[in-house]
Amino acid sequence: MANFDMSWARAPPPPQAAAKVAAAQGDGIEALVEASRAAGLADPRVQDAVSGVTSITGEGAIGDGLTVGLGFLSTLNTPELVALAGALLYVSVTPNIGIGFFDAYLVAPLSVLLGRRMTEDSVVVGRRIGEGSFGTVYEGTLADGKTDVVVKKTKVEVAGAEEVGEAELYMNRRLSRACPRAVAKYMGTFTTQRVANKGPDTRRWIVWRDQGRSTLGDAMRMRNFPYNLEEALLGKTLDGVDDLVERQARTIRVILRQILENVGDLHGTGVVHRDIKPDNMIVAAKERRIVFIDLGAWADLRVGKNYDPNEGLLDPNYCPPERYVMPTSTPEPPPAPVAALLSPELWQLNLPDRFDMYSVGIVLMQLCFAPLRQDGRLVAFNRDLRGCEDLAEWRRKFGNQQSFVEGFEILDANGRAGWDLAQKLLSEQRTKRPPAVGALAHPFVIRGLL
């Protein structure tokens, strides 16, 4: 254990000095520091550091504050410096609880205080454009008529819908601050109240900017995929590329890279998606990006929000063999501050992000193999893969179908780079799957960027 100098705290102060400290508490931090120094209640090194911080409001404040801070560091001995470095490292590794502290206790309250306040009159709701298990989605415009939006209404009559809706609202607020490029642009929320036969009917509505109606799944089910996304994601068509395999691979690499960037942003802030699939991504043509939607299944493992170790919200077509983000032996999340303090250790031990990486591997296979874009064929692929030792064995047993030839050509190009990545992502052992940042650096993904 580090040998910290605590001699300044051992002797109790005289009663007169303690009284002066109490009297100084209303006179500002500098008066309090000076009284504490006289009373012997504070380490002089800490006093100097605090005084340096208070100088920020004065002339040359930032430079003076840095000088005092560096001076404070110079007074630490080696064990103290090692302990400080370890603490800084601990709060900065995934899931970044240091940044999370400022987000939760400073940025989040300010965003709620200063953000857009919506009421039922803020949005003109139009026709229904979609429906899920826990909510119904409508098109709409803001009351000023200038901004198109998409709104989701919670199905309060469905068991569990309110909990999922609140979790989705929490995630939209949190991720709109932490990783805005990864998710649909959240604009606000409001509630409506109606009188129904069974009593008051209160419903939650969540509002997003309308960035597009087409999901990646919609685009993939069209016969001209991936050519139909060239203009939307690349800003141009690739008609000049004669090699059709390379032409398809270019768009597929862009899609995969953007998915990995989004997933990496989520994981960096301690969030696991748990439901990565093409139907939960929209093509935002104006931004030329793939962005995630439908955040109700996501788990914030920094504080244990929307996470139950014995419950898995998943699509069996995209989830990994282990079926759970973390072992079921993991205890229920403690209160948020305690959960945050423990989260870096739990993240490194259990690698919950690798749950999502398997799902990305399934999406990669769908991007390359047209038959797997059909639900029935995807179910058969998963069944066959689970019966094999690994993806290589699946290829030996089932990969000789004529409909798979084009997909293998895409993955086998350039030294079989794509096939190597697919095998890693779909490894049965989560420890062998790369993290998102590692997959982004894979030769298949970075080809064309160098």
Protein backbone atom coordinates (compact mmCIF):
# COMPACT_ATOMS: atom_id res chain seq x y z
CA MET A 1 0.00 0.00 0.00
CA ALA A 2 1.23 3.53 -0.78
CA ASN A 3 2.78 5.34 2.20
CA PHE A 4 0.77 8.55 2.23
CA ASP A 5 1.85 11.30 4.63
CA MET A 6 -1.09 11.69 7.02
CA SER A 7 0.77 13.37 9.87
CA TRP A 8 -1.17 16.57 9.29
CA ALA A 9 -4.42 14.79 10.27
CA ARG A 10 -3.31 13.06 13.44
CA ALA A 11 -3.44 15.79 16.09
CA PRO A 12 -6.81 17.36 16.90
CA PRO A 13 -6.93 21.15 16.51
CA PRO A 14 -7.31 23.50 19.46
CA PRO A 15 -10.95 24.48 20.17
CA GLN A 16 -10.24 28.11 19.25
CA ALA A 17 -8.85 27.12 15.85
CA ALA A 18 -11.77 24.82 15.14
CA ALA A 19 -14.14 27.68 15.93
CA LYS A 20 -12.32 29.92 13.42
CA VAL A 21 -12.70 27.24 10.73
CA ALA A 22 -16.42 27.00 11.39
CA ALA A 23 -16.75 30.78 11.23
CA ALA A 24 -14.83 30.92 7.95
CA GLN A 25 -17.15 28.51 6.09
CA GLY A 26 -19.39 31.30 4.95
CA ASP A 27 -16.54 33.55 3.76
CA GLY A 28 -15.47 31.62 0.66
CA ILE A 29 -13.01 28.86 -0.07
CA GLU A 30 -9.85 30.95 0.33
CA ALA A 31 -10.82 32.06 3.87
CA LEU A 32 -11.72 28.45 4.68
CA VAL A 33 -8.36 27.19 3.38
CA GLU A 34 -6.46 29.81 5.41
CA ALA A 35 -8.36 28.98 8.61
CA SER A 36 -7.83 25.27 8.00
CA ARG A 37 -4.11 25.86 7.54
CA ALA A 38 -3.95 27.68 10.88
CA ALA A 39 -5.90 24.90 12.54
CA GLY A 40 -3.71 22.18 11.05
CA LEU A 41 -6.74 20.54 9.46
CA ALA A 42 -5.44 20.18 5.92
CA ASP A 43 -2.32 18.93 4.19
CA PRO A 44 -0.41 22.03 3.01
CA ARG A 45 0.02 20.38 -0.40
CA VAL A 46 -3.74 20.08 -0.80
CA GLN A 47 -4.20 23.63 0.42
CA ASP A 48 -1.83 24.91 -2.24
CA ALA A 49 -3.61 22.93 -4.93
CA VAL A 50 -7.01 24.28 -3.85
CA SER A 51 -5.64 27.81 -3.80
CA GLY A 52 -4.36 27.28 -7.34
CA VAL A 53 -7.82 26.22 -8.50
CA THR A 54 -9.41 29.31 -6.94
CA SER A 55 -7.01 31.48 -8.92
CA ILE A 56 -8.82 30.52 -12.13
CA THR A 57 -10.94 33.64 -11.91
CA GLY A 58 -7.89 35.93 -11.76
CA GLU A 59 -5.46 37.25 -14.37
CA GLY A 60 -3.15 34.53 -15.69
CA ALA A 61 -5.34 32.08 -13.82
CA ILE A 62 -5.04 29.00 -16.02
CA GLY A 63 -1.26 29.14 -16.16
CA ASP A 64 -1.04 29.71 -12.42
CA GLY A 65 -3.43 26.85 -11.73
CA LEU A 66 -1.38 24.48 -13.91
CA THR A 67 1.81 25.61 -12.20
CA VAL A 68 0.37 24.92 -8.76
CA GLY A 69 -1.05 21.59 -9.93
CA LEU A 70 2.32 20.51 -11.30
CA GLY A 71 3.91 21.73 -8.11
CA PHE A 72 1.53 19.53 -6.13
CA LEU A 73 2.47 16.52 -8.25
CA SER A 74 6.15 17.22 -7.69
CA THR A 75 5.64 16.83 -3.92
CA LEU A 76 4.30 13.28 -4.28
CA ASN A 77 6.63 10.38 -3.68
CA THR A 78 6.85 7.41 -6.04
CA PRO A 79 4.21 5.18 -4.37
CA GLU A 80 1.79 8.11 -4.30
CA LEU A 81 2.38 8.84 -7.99
CA VAL A 82 1.85 5.16 -8.85
CA ALA A 83 -1.39 5.11 -6.86
CA LEU A 84 -2.59 8.31 -8.57
CA ALA A 85 -1.71 6.94 -12.02
CA GLY A 86 -3.54 3.71 -11.22
CA ALA A 87 -6.64 5.58 -10.11
CA LEU A 88 -6.63 7.72 -13.26
CA LEU A 89 -6.22 4.62 -15.41
CA TYR A 90 -9.04 2.83 -13.62
CA VAL A 91 -11.55 5.65 -14.16
CA SER A 92 -10.54 6.09 -17.81
CA VAL A 93 -10.72 2.48 -19.10
CA THR A 94 -14.00 1.15 -20.47
CA PRO A 95 -16.64 2.07 -19.44
CA ASN A 96 -14.99 5.43 -18.60
CA ILE A 97 -16.48 6.10 -15.18
CA GLY A 98 -14.50 9.34 -14.91
CA ILE A 99 -16.33 10.83 -17.88
CA GLY A 100 -19.49 9.13 -16.69
CA PHE A 101 -19.36 10.99 -13.38
CA PHE A 102 -19.35 14.39 -15.11
CA ASP A 103 -22.04 13.24 -17.55
CA ALA A 104 -24.37 11.98 -14.82
CA TYR A 105 -23.95 14.80 -12.33
CA LEU A 106 -23.26 17.81 -14.54
CA VAL A 107 -24.06 17.35 -18.23
CA ALA A 108 -27.26 15.32 -17.82
CA PRO A 109 -28.97 17.73 -15.40
CA LEU A 110 -27.97 20.69 -17.55
CA SER A 111 -29.27 19.03 -20.72
CA VAL A 112 -32.63 18.42 -19.06
CA LEU A 113 -32.72 21.97 -17.68
CA LEU A 114 -31.69 23.68 -20.91
CA GLY A 115 -33.09 21.21 -23.45
CA ARG A 116 -36.24 21.44 -25.54
CA ARG A 117 -39.42 21.14 -23.49
CA MET A 118 -42.21 19.43 -25.38
CA THR A 119 -45.94 19.12 -24.83
CA GLU A 120 -48.68 17.43 -26.80
CA ASP A 121 -49.06 20.65 -28.80
CA SER A 122 -45.40 20.63 -29.86
CA VAL A 123 -45.92 17.90 -32.47
CA VAL A 124 -48.50 17.36 -35.19
CA VAL A 125 -48.81 13.57 -35.37
CA GLY A 126 -49.49 12.07 -38.79
CA ARG A 127 -50.09 8.58 -40.11
CA ARG A 128 -48.80 5.39 -38.58
CA ILE A 129 -45.64 4.10 -40.27
CA GLY A 130 -44.65 1.16 -38.11
CA GLU A 131 -45.37 -0.93 -35.06
CA GLY A 132 -43.36 -3.04 -32.63
CA SER A 133 -44.04 -5.16 -29.58
CA PHE A 134 -44.02 -2.21 -27.17
CA GLY A 135 -44.77 0.85 -29.28
CA THR A 136 -46.37 2.34 -32.37
CA VAL A 137 -44.44 4.70 -34.66
CA TYR A 138 -45.90 7.69 -36.49
CA GLU A 139 -44.65 10.37 -38.84
CA GLY A 140 -45.14 13.97 -37.83
CA THR A 141 -43.89 17.54 -37.87
CA LEU A 142 -43.06 20.03 -35.18
CA ALA A 143 -45.74 22.62 -34.62
CA ASP A 144 -43.78 25.21 -36.61
CA GLY A 145 -44.23 23.01 -39.70
CA LYS A 146 -40.53 23.19 -40.57
CA THR A 147 -39.11 20.01 -39.07
CA ASP A 148 -40.17 16.48 -39.95
CA VAL A 149 -40.06 14.06 -37.04
CA VAL A 150 -40.75 10.46 -36.12
CA VAL A 151 -42.64 9.77 -32.90
CA LYS A 152 -43.17 6.56 -30.95
CA LYS A 153 -46.09 6.00 -28.59
CA THR A 154 -45.77 3.45 -25.80
CA LYS A 155 -48.30 0.62 -25.74
CA VAL A 156 -49.25 0.88 -22.10
CA GLU A 157 -51.73 -1.97 -22.49
CA VAL A 158 -48.84 -4.40 -23.14
CA ALA A 159 -47.12 -5.86 -20.09
CA GLY A 160 -43.62 -4.45 -19.69
CA ALA A 161 -44.08 -1.73 -22.31
CA GLU A 162 -43.80 1.14 -19.84
CA GLU A 163 -40.53 -0.21 -18.45
CA VAL A 164 -39.11 -0.66 -21.96
CA GLY A 165 -40.27 2.82 -22.90
CA GLU A 166 -38.59 4.41 -19.88
CA ALA A 167 -35.39 2.47 -20.63
CA GLU A 168 -35.50 3.67 -24.24
CA LEU A 169 -36.01 7.28 -23.11
CA TYR A 170 -33.05 6.99 -20.72
CA MET A 171 -30.84 5.55 -23.44
CA ASN A 172 -31.82 8.20 -25.99
CA ARG A 173 -30.98 10.98 -23.57
CA ARG A 174 -27.74 9.34 -22.51
CA LEU A 175 -26.48 8.41 -25.97
CA SER A 176 -27.50 11.70 -27.59
CA ARG A 177 -24.86 13.18 -25.28
CA ALA A 178 -22.25 10.40 -25.32
CA CYS A 179 -22.26 9.21 -28.96
CA PRO A 180 -24.64 11.27 -31.12
CA ARG A 181 -23.36 9.95 -34.46
CA ALA A 182 -24.31 6.38 -33.54
CA VAL A 183 -28.02 6.88 -32.85
CA ALA A 184 -31.05 8.57 -34.34
CA LYS A 185 -31.26 12.25 -33.39
CA TYR A 186 -33.35 12.43 -30.22
CA MET A 187 -35.37 15.66 -29.91
CA GLY A 188 -37.50 15.27 -26.80
CA THR A 189 -40.43 13.61 -25.11
CA PHE A 190 -43.94 14.39 -23.88
CA THR A 191 -46.88 12.59 -22.32
CA THR A 192 -50.57 12.59 -23.15
CA GLN A 193 -53.48 11.90 -20.85
CA ARG A 194 -56.90 10.71 -21.91
CA VAL A 195 -59.94 9.51 -20.02
CA ALA A 196 -60.66 5.87 -20.86
CA ASN A 197 -63.19 3.33 -19.63
CA LYS A 198 -60.64 1.85 -17.25
CA GLY A 199 -59.48 5.21 -15.92
CA PRO A 200 -56.81 7.75 -16.96
CA ASP A 201 -54.76 6.67 -19.97
CA THR A 202 -51.25 8.18 -19.78
CA ARG A 203 -48.84 7.50 -22.62
CA ARG A 204 -45.21 8.40 -23.24
CA TRP A 205 -44.16 9.73 -26.65
CA ILE A 206 -40.54 9.96 -27.82
CA VAL A 207 -39.59 12.28 -30.67
CA TRP A 208 -36.70 11.99 -33.15
CA ARG A 209 -35.71 14.01 -36.17
CA ASP A 210 -36.83 12.22 -39.33
CA GLN A 211 -33.51 11.10 -40.85
CA GLY A 212 -35.05 8.52 -43.16
CA ARG A 213 -37.65 5.78 -43.25
CA SER A 214 -35.62 3.00 -44.85
CA THR A 215 -33.82 0.56 -42.58
CA LEU A 216 -30.71 -1.30 -43.60
CA GLY A 217 -32.90 -4.43 -43.56
CA ASP A 218 -35.26 -2.82 -46.09
CA ALA A 219 -32.34 -2.05 -48.39
CA MET A 220 -30.85 -5.52 -48.03
CA ARG A 221 -34.11 -7.20 -49.01
CA MET A 222 -34.10 -5.42 -52.37
CA ARG A 223 -32.67 -7.28 -55.36
CA ASN A 224 -30.24 -4.47 -56.25
CA PHE A 225 -28.44 -4.44 -52.87
CA PRO A 226 -25.77 -3.15 -52.25
CA TYR A 227 -25.85 -1.00 -55.38
CA ASN A 228 -28.95 0.77 -54.05
CA LEU A 229 -26.92 2.29 -51.19
CA GLU A 230 -24.01 3.67 -53.19
CA GLU A 231 -25.51 7.13 -53.61
CA ALA A 232 -26.88 7.27 -50.07
CA LEU A 233 -23.63 6.27 -48.32
CA LEU A 234 -20.87 7.12 -50.81
CA GLY A 235 -22.41 10.19 -52.40
CA LYS A 236 -21.94 8.71 -55.88
CA THR A 237 -22.56 5.59 -57.89
CA LEU A 238 -19.71 3.22 -58.72
CA ASP A 239 -20.68 2.65 -62.35
CA GLY A 240 -17.05 3.04 -63.38
CA VAL A 241 -15.95 0.00 -61.37
CA ASP A 242 -16.00 -2.94 -63.78
CA ASP A 243 -15.19 -5.62 -61.20
CA LEU A 244 -18.63 -6.33 -59.69
CA VAL A 245 -17.17 -8.18 -56.71
CA GLU A 246 -14.98 -5.20 -55.83
CA ARG A 247 -17.89 -2.82 -56.45
CA GLN A 248 -20.08 -4.67 -53.97
CA ALA A 249 -17.22 -4.99 -51.49
CA ARG A 250 -16.66 -1.23 -51.40
CA THR A 251 -20.19 -0.49 -50.25
CA ILE A 252 -20.23 -3.44 -47.85
CA ARG A 253 -17.00 -2.21 -46.25
CA VAL A 254 -18.49 1.26 -45.74
CA ILE A 255 -21.62 -0.22 -44.13
CA LEU A 256 -19.58 -2.51 -41.88
CA ARG A 257 -17.17 0.27 -40.91
CA GLN A 258 -20.02 2.57 -39.89
CA ILE A 259 -21.69 -0.20 -37.88
CA LEU A 260 -18.40 -0.90 -36.09
CA GLU A 261 -17.87 2.82 -35.41
CA ASN A 262 -21.34 3.02 -33.87
CA VAL A 263 -20.81 -0.12 -31.80
CA GLY A 264 -17.41 1.14 -30.67
CA ASP A 265 -18.96 4.42 -29.54
CA LEU A 266 -21.57 2.56 -27.51
CA HIS A 267 -19.09 0.21 -25.90
CA GLY A 268 -16.75 3.07 -25.08
CA THR A 269 -19.43 4.61 -22.88
CA GLY A 270 -20.38 1.31 -21.22
CA VAL A 271 -23.50 0.46 -23.24
CA VAL A 272 -24.17 -2.94 -24.84
CA HIS A 273 -26.71 -2.99 -27.66
CA ARG A 274 -27.99 -6.60 -27.32
CA ASP A 275 -30.15 -6.36 -30.46
CA ILE A 276 -27.89 -5.53 -33.39
CA LYS A 277 -29.60 -6.39 -36.66
CA PRO A 278 -30.31 -4.62 -39.97
CA ASP A 279 -33.90 -3.80 -39.04
CA ASN A 280 -32.64 -1.75 -36.08
CA MET A 281 -30.57 0.55 -38.27
CA ILE A 282 -31.73 3.31 -40.58
CA VAL A 283 -29.98 4.76 -43.60
CA ALA A 284 -29.60 8.49 -42.88
CA ALA A 285 -28.97 9.67 -46.43
CA LYS A 286 -28.37 13.33 -45.53
CA GLU A 287 -25.62 12.35 -43.10
CA ARG A 288 -24.53 9.42 -45.31
CA ARG A 289 -24.51 7.17 -42.27
CA ILE A 290 -26.02 4.06 -40.81
CA VAL A 291 -27.48 4.95 -37.39
CA PHE A 292 -29.08 2.80 -34.71
CA ILE A 293 -32.72 2.96 -33.66
CA ASP A 294 -34.93 1.09 -31.16
CA LEU A 295 -32.90 1.39 -27.96
CA GLY A 296 -35.23 -0.46 -25.59
CA ALA A 297 -33.06 -3.59 -25.26
CA TRP A 298 -29.80 -1.77 -24.64
CA ALA A 299 -28.03 -2.18 -21.28
CA ASP A 300 -26.01 0.53 -19.56
CA LEU A 301 -23.42 -1.56 -17.73
CA ARG A 302 -21.69 1.50 -16.33
CA VAL A 303 -24.48 1.85 -13.77
CA GLY A 304 -26.47 -1.36 -14.31
CA LYS A 305 -29.42 0.38 -15.99
CA ASN A 306 -31.81 -1.88 -17.96
CA TYR A 307 -29.77 -4.93 -17.01
CA ASP A 308 -30.92 -8.11 -15.28
CA PRO A 309 -28.39 -10.97 -15.21
CA ASN A 310 -31.18 -13.54 -15.53
CA GLU A 311 -32.99 -11.86 -18.39
CA GLY A 312 -31.94 -11.73 -22.01
CA LEU A 313 -33.64 -9.42 -24.52
CA LEU A 314 -32.45 -10.87 -27.78
CA ASP A 315 -33.24 -12.04 -31.29
CA PRO A 316 -32.19 -15.70 -31.59
CA ASN A 317 -31.09 -15.12 -35.19
CA TYR A 318 -28.40 -12.64 -34.11
CA CYS A 319 -27.42 -13.55 -30.55
CA PRO A 320 -24.25 -15.50 -29.71
CA PRO A 321 -24.25 -19.04 -28.27
CA GLU A 322 -23.86 -17.81 -24.67
CA ARG A 323 -27.15 -15.87 -24.98
CA TYR A 324 -26.33 -13.55 -22.05
CA VAL A 325 -24.30 -10.36 -21.94
CA MET A 326 -22.65 -11.44 -18.67
CA PRO A 327 -22.75 -14.71 -16.71
CA THR A 328 -26.03 -15.42 -14.94
CA SER A 329 -24.02 -15.74 -11.73
CA THR A 330 -23.41 -11.98 -11.86
CA PRO A 331 -25.32 -10.40 -8.95
CA GLU A 332 -28.11 -7.89 -9.36
CA PRO A 333 -26.73 -4.39 -10.03
CA PRO A 334 -26.11 -2.44 -6.79
CA PRO A 335 -26.99 1.28 -6.48
CA ALA A 336 -25.68 3.30 -9.42
CA PRO A 337 -22.59 4.85 -7.72
CA VAL A 338 -21.44 1.44 -6.49
CA ALA A 339 -22.18 -0.19 -9.84
CA ALA A 340 -20.15 2.50 -11.59
CA LEU A 341 -17.21 1.98 -9.27
CA LEU A 342 -17.19 -1.77 -9.96
CA SER A 343 -17.98 -1.58 -13.68
CA PRO A 344 -14.40 -1.34 -15.07
CA GLU A 345 -13.42 -4.56 -13.30
CA LEU A 346 -16.58 -6.40 -14.36
CA TRP A 347 -16.17 -5.21 -17.95
CA GLN A 348 -12.60 -6.47 -18.21
CA LEU A 349 -13.48 -9.81 -16.60
CA ASN A 350 -16.62 -10.58 -18.62
CA LEU A 351 -16.08 -8.73 -21.93
CA PRO A 352 -19.80 -7.94 -22.42
CA ASP A 353 -19.05 -6.03 -25.62
CA ARG A 354 -18.18 -9.29 -27.38
CA PHE A 355 -21.86 -10.25 -27.21
CA ASP A 356 -22.55 -7.51 -29.76
CA MET A 357 -19.54 -8.46 -31.88
CA TYR A 358 -21.07 -11.85 -32.66
CA SER A 359 -24.21 -10.06 -33.89
CA VAL A 360 -22.03 -7.88 -36.12
CA GLY A 361 -20.57 -11.08 -37.55
CA ILE A 362 -24.05 -12.31 -38.48
CA VAL A 363 -24.77 -8.98 -40.17
CA LEU A 364 -21.49 -9.26 -42.11
CA MET A 365 -22.57 -12.67 -43.42
CA GLN A 366 -25.91 -11.19 -44.50
CA LEU A 367 -24.18 -8.30 -46.23
CA CYS A 368 -22.14 -10.73 -48.32
CA PHE A 369 -24.51 -13.69 -48.82
CA ALA A 370 -27.85 -12.82 -50.44
CA PRO A 371 -29.64 -16.03 -49.28
CA LEU A 372 -29.01 -15.15 -45.61
CA ARG A 373 -31.09 -12.00 -46.00
CA GLN A 374 -34.17 -14.23 -45.97
CA ASP A 375 -35.47 -15.13 -42.51
CA GLY A 376 -35.83 -18.83 -43.23
CA ARG A 377 -32.34 -19.19 -44.65
CA LEU A 378 -30.87 -17.24 -41.72
CA VAL A 379 -32.56 -19.61 -39.26
CA ALA A 380 -31.10 -22.58 -41.17
CA PHE A 381 -27.64 -20.97 -41.21
CA ASN A 382 -27.68 -20.50 -37.43
CA ARG A 383 -28.86 -24.06 -36.90
CA ASP A 384 -26.14 -25.44 -39.16
CA LEU A 385 -23.45 -23.24 -37.60
CA ARG A 386 -24.36 -24.34 -34.07
CA GLY A 387 -23.86 -27.93 -35.21
CA CYS A 388 -20.33 -27.19 -36.41
CA GLU A 389 -17.13 -26.60 -34.50
CA ASP A 390 -16.59 -23.24 -36.18
CA LEU A 391 -17.32 -21.23 -39.32
CA ALA A 392 -14.61 -23.05 -41.27
CA GLU A 393 -16.37 -26.36 -40.72
CA TRP A 394 -19.68 -24.78 -41.76
CA ARG A 395 -18.05 -23.72 -45.02
CA ARG A 396 -16.73 -27.22 -45.68
CA LYS A 397 -20.14 -28.78 -45.04
CA PHE A 398 -22.59 -26.23 -46.41
CA GLY A 399 -20.65 -23.64 -48.38
CA ASN A 400 -20.68 -25.37 -51.78
CA GLN A 401 -24.08 -24.02 -52.78
CA GLN A 402 -24.14 -21.99 -55.96
CA SER A 403 -25.99 -19.13 -54.23
CA PHE A 404 -23.01 -18.67 -51.88
CA VAL A 405 -20.35 -18.27 -54.58
CA GLU A 406 -20.57 -14.47 -54.86
CA GLY A 407 -20.43 -13.99 -51.10
CA PHE A 408 -17.29 -16.11 -50.80
CA GLU A 409 -15.69 -14.11 -53.63
CA ILE A 410 -16.23 -10.92 -51.61
CA LEU A 411 -14.82 -12.41 -48.41
CA ASP A 412 -11.95 -14.27 -50.10
CA ALA A 413 -10.58 -11.25 -52.02
CA ASN A 414 -7.28 -9.70 -50.93
CA GLY A 415 -5.89 -12.67 -49.10
CA ARG A 416 -9.24 -13.83 -47.68
CA ALA A 417 -9.33 -10.78 -45.41
CA GLY A 418 -13.11 -10.72 -45.11
CA TRP A 419 -13.28 -14.44 -44.35
CA ASP A 420 -10.70 -14.02 -41.60
CA LEU A 421 -12.77 -11.27 -39.98
CA ALA A 422 -15.99 -13.28 -40.26
CA GLN A 423 -14.35 -16.27 -38.54
CA LYS A 424 -13.13 -14.10 -35.68
CA LEU A 425 -16.47 -12.37 -35.15
CA LEU A 426 -18.41 -15.64 -35.19
CA SER A 427 -16.09 -17.48 -32.84
CA GLU A 428 -18.00 -19.51 -30.27
CA GLN A 429 -15.67 -18.25 -27.53
CA ARG A 430 -16.24 -14.58 -26.80
CA THR A 431 -12.60 -14.09 -25.77
CA LYS A 432 -11.58 -14.83 -29.38
CA ARG A 433 -13.89 -12.19 -30.86
CA PRO A 434 -12.24 -8.82 -31.47
CA PRO A 435 -13.59 -5.65 -29.83
CA ALA A 436 -15.08 -3.05 -32.15
CA VAL A 437 -11.90 -0.97 -32.18
CA GLY A 438 -9.92 -4.08 -33.16
CA ALA A 439 -12.33 -4.99 -35.95
CA LEU A 440 -12.11 -1.42 -37.29
CA ALA A 441 -8.38 -1.92 -37.75
CA HIS A 442 -8.82 -5.21 -39.64
CA PRO A 443 -7.45 -5.26 -43.23
CA PHE A 444 -10.90 -6.02 -44.68
CA VAL A 445 -12.39 -2.89 -43.10
CA ILE A 446 -9.55 -0.47 -43.73
CA ARG A 447 -8.96 -1.47 -47.36
CA GLY A 448 -9.62 1.59 -49.50
CA LEU A 449 -8.89 3.98 -46.63
CA LEU A 450 -5.10 3.68 -46.81
